[in-house]
Amino acid sequence: KLGQFSSGTAYKRDHEYDYWGQGT
């Protein structure tokens, strides 16, 4: 995540993040 989250608990929301890996 680059920049500020939209709220204090937004770190829990996947749509707040900008980039993702492919998963393991």
PDB file of all heavy atoms in Angstrom:
ATOM      1  N   LYS A   1       0.844  -1.193   0.000  1.00  0.00           N
ATOM      2  CA  LYS A   1       0.000   0.000   0.000  1.00  0.00           C
ATOM      3  C   LYS A   1       0.877   1.241   0.000  1.00  0.00           C
ATOM      4  O   LYS A   1       1.721   1.410   0.879  1.00  0.00           O
ATOM      5  CB  LYS A   1      -0.893   0.001   1.239  1.00  0.00           C
ATOM      6  CG  LYS A   1      -1.602   1.315   1.516  1.00  0.00           C
ATOM      7  CD  LYS A   1      -2.658   1.621   0.474  1.00  0.00           C
ATOM      8  CE  LYS A   1      -3.416   2.891   0.828  1.00  0.00           C
ATOM      9  NZ  LYS A   1      -4.431   3.220  -0.208  1.00  0.00           N
ATOM     10  N   LEU A   2       0.660   2.106  -0.994  1.00  0.00           N
ATOM     11  CA  LEU A   2       1.371   3.376  -1.057  1.00  0.00           C
ATOM     12  C   LEU A   2       0.432   4.479  -0.629  1.00  0.00           C
ATOM     13  O   LEU A   2      -0.680   4.568  -1.114  1.00  0.00           O
ATOM     14  CB  LEU A   2       1.875   3.631  -2.480  1.00  0.00           C
ATOM     15  CG  LEU A   2       2.695   4.903  -2.689  1.00  0.00           C
ATOM     16  CD1 LEU A   2       4.006   4.817  -1.929  1.00  0.00           C
ATOM     17  CD2 LEU A   2       2.958   5.137  -4.180  1.00  0.00           C
ATOM     18  N   GLY A   3       0.870   5.287   0.301  1.00  0.00           N
ATOM     19  CA  GLY A   3       0.034   6.381   0.754  1.00  0.00           C
ATOM     20  C   GLY A   3      -0.780   6.000   1.980  1.00  0.00           C
ATOM     21  O   GLY A   3      -0.533   4.983   2.622  1.00  0.00           O
ATOM     22  N   GLN A   4      -1.752   6.831   2.263  1.00  0.00           N
ATOM     23  CA  GLN A   4      -2.546   6.662   3.468  1.00  0.00           C
ATOM     24  C   GLN A   4      -3.746   5.739   3.240  1.00  0.00           C
ATOM     25  O   GLN A   4      -4.368   5.765   2.187  1.00  0.00           O
ATOM     26  CB  GLN A   4      -3.058   8.029   3.942  1.00  0.00           C
ATOM     27  CG  GLN A   4      -1.971   9.022   4.302  1.00  0.00           C
ATOM     28  CD  GLN A   4      -1.162   8.573   5.494  1.00  0.00           C
ATOM     29  OE1 GLN A   4      -1.712   8.082   6.477  1.00  0.00           O
ATOM     30  NE2 GLN A   4       0.148   8.713   5.417  1.00  0.00           N
ATOM     31  N   PHE A   5      -4.058   4.945   4.254  1.00  0.00           N
ATOM     32  CA  PHE A   5      -5.290   4.181   4.220  1.00  0.00           C
ATOM     33  C   PHE A   5      -6.481   5.131   4.417  1.00  0.00           C
ATOM     34  O   PHE A   5      -6.345   6.212   4.984  1.00  0.00           O
ATOM     35  CB  PHE A   5      -5.287   3.120   5.320  1.00  0.00           C
ATOM     36  CG  PHE A   5      -4.354   1.979   5.049  1.00  0.00           C
ATOM     37  CD1 PHE A   5      -3.093   1.964   5.620  1.00  0.00           C
ATOM     38  CD2 PHE A   5      -4.728   0.931   4.232  1.00  0.00           C
ATOM     39  CE1 PHE A   5      -2.213   0.917   5.383  1.00  0.00           C
ATOM     40  CE2 PHE A   5      -3.864  -0.126   3.980  1.00  0.00           C
ATOM     41  CZ  PHE A   5      -2.602  -0.129   4.559  1.00  0.00           C
ATOM     42  N   SER A   6      -7.647   4.684   3.983  1.00  0.00           N
ATOM     43  CA  SER A   6      -8.826   5.544   4.033  1.00  0.00           C
ATOM     44  C   SER A   6      -9.392   5.704   5.431  1.00  0.00           C
ATOM     45  O   SER A   6     -10.157   6.619   5.702  1.00  0.00           O
ATOM     46  CB  SER A   6      -9.911   4.990   3.096  1.00  0.00           C
ATOM     47  OG  SER A   6     -10.308   3.694   3.525  1.00  0.00           O
ATOM     48  N   SER A   7      -9.026   4.790   6.346  1.00  0.00           N
ATOM     49  CA  SER A   7      -9.495   4.879   7.717  1.00  0.00           C
ATOM     50  C   SER A   7      -8.547   4.114   8.621  1.00  0.00           C
ATOM     51  O   SER A   7      -7.632   3.439   8.144  1.00  0.00           O
ATOM     52  CB  SER A   7     -10.916   4.317   7.855  1.00  0.00           C
ATOM     53  OG  SER A   7     -10.898   2.909   7.692  1.00  0.00           O
ATOM     54  N   GLY A   8      -8.802   4.200   9.922  1.00  0.00           N
ATOM     55  CA  GLY A   8      -7.902   3.571  10.880  1.00  0.00           C
ATOM     56  C   GLY A   8      -7.853   2.062  10.795  1.00  0.00           C
ATOM     57  O   GLY A   8      -6.861   1.456  11.201  1.00  0.00           O
ATOM     58  N   THR A   9      -8.894   1.440  10.300  1.00  0.00           N
ATOM     59  CA  THR A   9      -8.917  -0.022  10.206  1.00  0.00           C
ATOM     60  C   THR A   9      -8.857  -0.508   8.762  1.00  0.00           C
ATOM     61  O   THR A   9      -9.068  -1.685   8.496  1.00  0.00           O
ATOM     62  CB  THR A   9     -10.183  -0.580  10.875  1.00  0.00           C
ATOM     63  OG1 THR A   9     -11.331  -0.029  10.235  1.00  0.00           O
ATOM     64  CG2 THR A   9     -10.200  -0.255  12.354  1.00  0.00           C
ATOM     65  N   ALA A  10      -8.586   0.389   7.853  1.00  0.00           N
ATOM     66  CA  ALA A  10      -8.606   0.038   6.434  1.00  0.00           C
ATOM     67  C   ALA A  10      -7.497  -0.930   6.042  1.00  0.00           C
ATOM     68  O   ALA A  10      -7.580  -1.562   4.987  1.00  0.00           O
ATOM     69  CB  ALA A  10      -8.524   1.299   5.586  1.00  0.00           C
ATOM     70  N   TYR A  11      -6.467  -1.064   6.882  1.00  0.00           N
ATOM     71  CA  TYR A  11      -5.378  -1.993   6.579  1.00  0.00           C
ATOM     72  C   TYR A  11      -5.903  -3.427   6.459  1.00  0.00           C
ATOM     73  O   TYR A  11      -5.243  -4.298   5.914  1.00  0.00           O
ATOM     74  CB  TYR A  11      -4.293  -1.924   7.656  1.00  0.00           C
ATOM     75  CG  TYR A  11      -4.801  -2.245   9.034  1.00  0.00           C
ATOM     76  CD1 TYR A  11      -4.892  -3.558   9.472  1.00  0.00           C
ATOM     77  CD2 TYR A  11      -5.234  -1.242   9.887  1.00  0.00           C
ATOM     78  CE1 TYR A  11      -5.385  -3.868  10.720  1.00  0.00           C
ATOM     79  CE2 TYR A  11      -5.740  -1.535  11.143  1.00  0.00           C
ATOM     80  CZ  TYR A  11      -5.813  -2.854  11.549  1.00  0.00           C
ATOM     81  OH  TYR A  11      -6.306  -3.157  12.780  1.00  0.00           O
ATOM     82  N   LYS A  12      -7.090  -3.697   7.012  1.00  0.00           N
ATOM     83  CA  LYS A  12      -7.669  -5.040   6.959  1.00  0.00           C
ATOM     84  C   LYS A  12      -8.390  -5.316   5.640  1.00  0.00           C
ATOM     85  O   LYS A  12      -8.782  -6.451   5.370  1.00  0.00           O
ATOM     86  CB  LYS A  12      -8.697  -5.211   8.084  1.00  0.00           C
ATOM     87  CG  LYS A  12      -8.142  -5.114   9.482  1.00  0.00           C
ATOM     88  CD  LYS A  12      -9.252  -5.328  10.494  1.00  0.00           C
ATOM     89  CE  LYS A  12      -8.746  -5.236  11.919  1.00  0.00           C
ATOM     90  NZ  LYS A  12      -9.829  -5.466  12.904  1.00  0.00           N
ATOM     91  N   ARG A  13      -8.571  -4.304   4.833  1.00  0.00           N
ATOM     92  CA  ARG A  13      -9.393  -4.452   3.625  1.00  0.00           C
ATOM     93  C   ARG A  13      -8.504  -4.635   2.410  1.00  0.00           C
ATOM     94  O   ARG A  13      -7.681  -3.767   2.079  1.00  0.00           O
ATOM     95  CB  ARG A  13     -10.277  -3.221   3.459  1.00  0.00           C
ATOM     96  CG  ARG A  13     -11.191  -3.002   4.650  1.00  0.00           C
ATOM     97  CD  ARG A  13     -12.029  -1.757   4.505  1.00  0.00           C
ATOM     98  NE  ARG A  13     -12.614  -1.365   5.777  1.00  0.00           N
ATOM     99  CZ  ARG A  13     -12.748  -0.115   6.185  1.00  0.00           C
ATOM    100  NH1 ARG A  13     -12.339   0.863   5.403  1.00  0.00           N
ATOM    101  NH2 ARG A  13     -13.282   0.151   7.346  1.00  0.00           N
ATOM    102  N   ASP A  14      -8.715  -5.703   1.690  1.00  0.00           N
ATOM    103  CA  ASP A  14      -7.816  -6.006   0.582  1.00  0.00           C
ATOM    104  C   ASP A  14      -7.881  -4.953  -0.517  1.00  0.00           C
ATOM    105  O   ASP A  14      -6.871  -4.681  -1.177  1.00  0.00           O
ATOM    106  CB  ASP A  14      -8.062  -7.407   0.033  1.00  0.00           C
ATOM    107  CG  ASP A  14      -9.483  -7.628  -0.435  1.00  0.00           C
ATOM    108  OD1 ASP A  14     -10.318  -6.702  -0.339  1.00  0.00           O
ATOM    109  OD2 ASP A  14      -9.773  -8.750  -0.903  1.00  0.00           O
ATOM    110  N   HIS A  15      -9.034  -4.342  -0.720  1.00  0.00           N
ATOM    111  CA  HIS A  15      -9.142  -3.365  -1.810  1.00  0.00           C
ATOM    112  C   HIS A  15      -8.363  -2.080  -1.528  1.00  0.00           C
ATOM    113  O   HIS A  15      -8.195  -1.255  -2.429  1.00  0.00           O
ATOM    114  CB  HIS A  15     -10.607  -3.037  -2.098  1.00  0.00           C
ATOM    115  CG  HIS A  15     -11.292  -2.309  -0.993  1.00  0.00           C
ATOM    116  ND1 HIS A  15     -12.045  -2.930  -0.031  1.00  0.00           N
ATOM    117  CD2 HIS A  15     -11.352  -0.987  -0.688  1.00  0.00           C
ATOM    118  CE1 HIS A  15     -12.526  -2.041   0.805  1.00  0.00           C
ATOM    119  NE2 HIS A  15     -12.117  -0.848   0.441  1.00  0.00           N
ATOM    120  N   GLU A  16      -7.886  -1.918  -0.308  1.00  0.00           N
ATOM    121  CA  GLU A  16      -7.088  -0.722   0.014  1.00  0.00           C
ATOM    122  C   GLU A  16      -5.667  -0.821  -0.534  1.00  0.00           C
ATOM    123  O   GLU A  16      -4.966   0.166  -0.648  1.00  0.00           O
ATOM    124  CB  GLU A  16      -7.020  -0.557   1.532  1.00  0.00           C
ATOM    125  CG  GLU A  16      -8.336  -0.116   2.162  1.00  0.00           C
ATOM    126  CD  GLU A  16      -8.513   1.399   2.126  1.00  0.00           C
ATOM    127  OE1 GLU A  16      -7.511   2.118   1.983  1.00  0.00           O
ATOM    128  OE2 GLU A  16      -9.680   1.856   2.239  1.00  0.00           O
ATOM    129  N   TYR A  17      -5.230  -2.021  -0.844  1.00  0.00           N
ATOM    130  CA  TYR A  17      -3.848  -2.238  -1.254  1.00  0.00           C
ATOM    131  C   TYR A  17      -3.692  -2.058  -2.762  1.00  0.00           C
ATOM    132  O   TYR A  17      -4.593  -2.374  -3.539  1.00  0.00           O
ATOM    133  CB  TYR A  17      -3.372  -3.620  -0.808  1.00  0.00           C
ATOM    134  CG  TYR A  17      -3.206  -3.699   0.687  1.00  0.00           C
ATOM    135  CD1 TYR A  17      -4.306  -3.863   1.525  1.00  0.00           C
ATOM    136  CD2 TYR A  17      -1.953  -3.591   1.282  1.00  0.00           C
ATOM    137  CE1 TYR A  17      -4.173  -3.901   2.902  1.00  0.00           C
ATOM    138  CE2 TYR A  17      -1.796  -3.648   2.660  1.00  0.00           C
ATOM    139  CZ  TYR A  17      -2.906  -3.800   3.461  1.00  0.00           C
ATOM    140  OH  TYR A  17      -2.766  -3.843   4.839  1.00  0.00           O
ATOM    141  N   ASP A  18      -2.528  -1.579  -3.149  1.00  0.00           N
ATOM    142  CA  ASP A  18      -2.293  -1.211  -4.540  1.00  0.00           C
ATOM    143  C   ASP A  18      -1.655  -2.316  -5.367  1.00  0.00           C
ATOM    144  O   ASP A  18      -1.875  -2.401  -6.576  1.00  0.00           O
ATOM    145  CB  ASP A  18      -1.385   0.019  -4.588  1.00  0.00           C
ATOM    146  CG  ASP A  18      -1.967   1.187  -3.813  1.00  0.00           C
ATOM    147  OD1 ASP A  18      -3.081   1.624  -4.187  1.00  0.00           O
ATOM    148  OD2 ASP A  18      -1.327   1.663  -2.857  1.00  0.00           O
ATOM    149  N   TYR A  19      -0.839  -3.143  -4.732  1.00  0.00           N
ATOM    150  CA  TYR A  19      -0.096  -4.159  -5.473  1.00  0.00           C
ATOM    151  C   TYR A  19      -0.164  -5.501  -4.732  1.00  0.00           C
ATOM    152  O   TYR A  19      -0.161  -5.526  -3.495  1.00  0.00           O
ATOM    153  CB  TYR A  19       1.377  -3.734  -5.649  1.00  0.00           C
ATOM    154  CG  TYR A  19       1.534  -2.419  -6.349  1.00  0.00           C
ATOM    155  CD1 TYR A  19       1.789  -1.259  -5.621  1.00  0.00           C
ATOM    156  CD2 TYR A  19       1.395  -2.327  -7.729  1.00  0.00           C
ATOM    157  CE1 TYR A  19       1.910  -0.037  -6.253  1.00  0.00           C
ATOM    158  CE2 TYR A  19       1.521  -1.104  -8.372  1.00  0.00           C
ATOM    159  CZ  TYR A  19       1.771   0.033  -7.624  1.00  0.00           C
ATOM    160  OH  TYR A  19       1.883   1.238  -8.259  1.00  0.00           O
ATOM    161  N   TRP A  20      -0.185  -6.566  -5.528  1.00  0.00           N
ATOM    162  CA  TRP A  20      -0.319  -7.910  -4.981  1.00  0.00           C
ATOM    163  C   TRP A  20       0.668  -8.860  -5.626  1.00  0.00           C
ATOM    164  O   TRP A  20       0.990  -8.721  -6.808  1.00  0.00           O
ATOM    165  CB  TRP A  20      -1.739  -8.438  -5.229  1.00  0.00           C
ATOM    166  CG  TRP A  20      -2.761  -7.713  -4.430  1.00  0.00           C
ATOM    167  CD1 TRP A  20      -3.360  -6.519  -4.735  1.00  0.00           C
ATOM    168  CD2 TRP A  20      -3.292  -8.106  -3.164  1.00  0.00           C
ATOM    169  NE1 TRP A  20      -4.231  -6.167  -3.740  1.00  0.00           N
ATOM    170  CE2 TRP A  20      -4.208  -7.118  -2.764  1.00  0.00           C
ATOM    171  CE3 TRP A  20      -3.080  -9.204  -2.335  1.00  0.00           C
ATOM    172  CZ2 TRP A  20      -4.923  -7.199  -1.565  1.00  0.00           C
ATOM    173  CZ3 TRP A  20      -3.781  -9.291  -1.146  1.00  0.00           C
ATOM    174  CH2 TRP A  20      -4.694  -8.294  -0.769  1.00  0.00           C
ATOM    175  N   GLY A  21       1.094  -9.838  -4.832  1.00  0.00           N
ATOM    176  CA  GLY A  21       1.854 -10.923  -5.390  1.00  0.00           C
ATOM    177  C   GLY A  21       0.939 -11.987  -5.966  1.00  0.00           C
ATOM    178  O   GLY A  21      -0.292 -11.866  -5.909  1.00  0.00           O
ATOM    179  N   GLN A  22       1.528 -13.038  -6.483  1.00  0.00           N
ATOM    180  CA  GLN A  22       0.754 -14.089  -7.132  1.00  0.00           C
ATOM    181  C   GLN A  22       0.232 -15.124  -6.143  1.00  0.00           C
ATOM    182  O   GLN A  22      -0.629 -15.933  -6.480  1.00  0.00           O
ATOM    183  CB  GLN A  22       1.612 -14.789  -8.203  1.00  0.00           C
ATOM    184  CG  GLN A  22       2.532 -15.881  -7.685  1.00  0.00           C
ATOM    185  CD  GLN A  22       3.716 -15.358  -6.895  1.00  0.00           C
ATOM    186  OE1 GLN A  22       3.985 -14.156  -6.862  1.00  0.00           O
ATOM    187  NE2 GLN A  22       4.447 -16.252  -6.245  1.00  0.00           N
ATOM    188  N   GLY A  23       0.758 -15.090  -4.926  1.00  0.00           N
ATOM    189  CA  GLY A  23       0.296 -16.008  -3.897  1.00  0.00           C
ATOM    190  C   GLY A  23       1.158 -17.249  -3.781  1.00  0.00           C
ATOM    191  O   GLY A  23       1.810 -17.675  -4.739  1.00  0.00           O
ATOM    192  N   THR A  24       1.156 -17.836  -2.605  1.00  0.00           N
ATOM    193  CA  THR A  24       1.864 -19.081  -2.361  1.00  0.00           C
ATOM    194  C   THR A  24       0.967 -19.978  -1.506  1.00  0.00           C
ATOM    195  O   THR A  24       0.357 -19.522  -0.543  1.00  0.00           O
ATOM    196  CB  THR A  24       3.228 -18.840  -1.689  1.00  0.00           C
ATOM    197  OG1 THR A  24       3.956 -20.066  -1.585  1.00  0.00           O
ATOM    198  CG2 THR A  24       3.104 -18.218  -0.300  1.00  0.00           C
TER     199      THR A  24
END
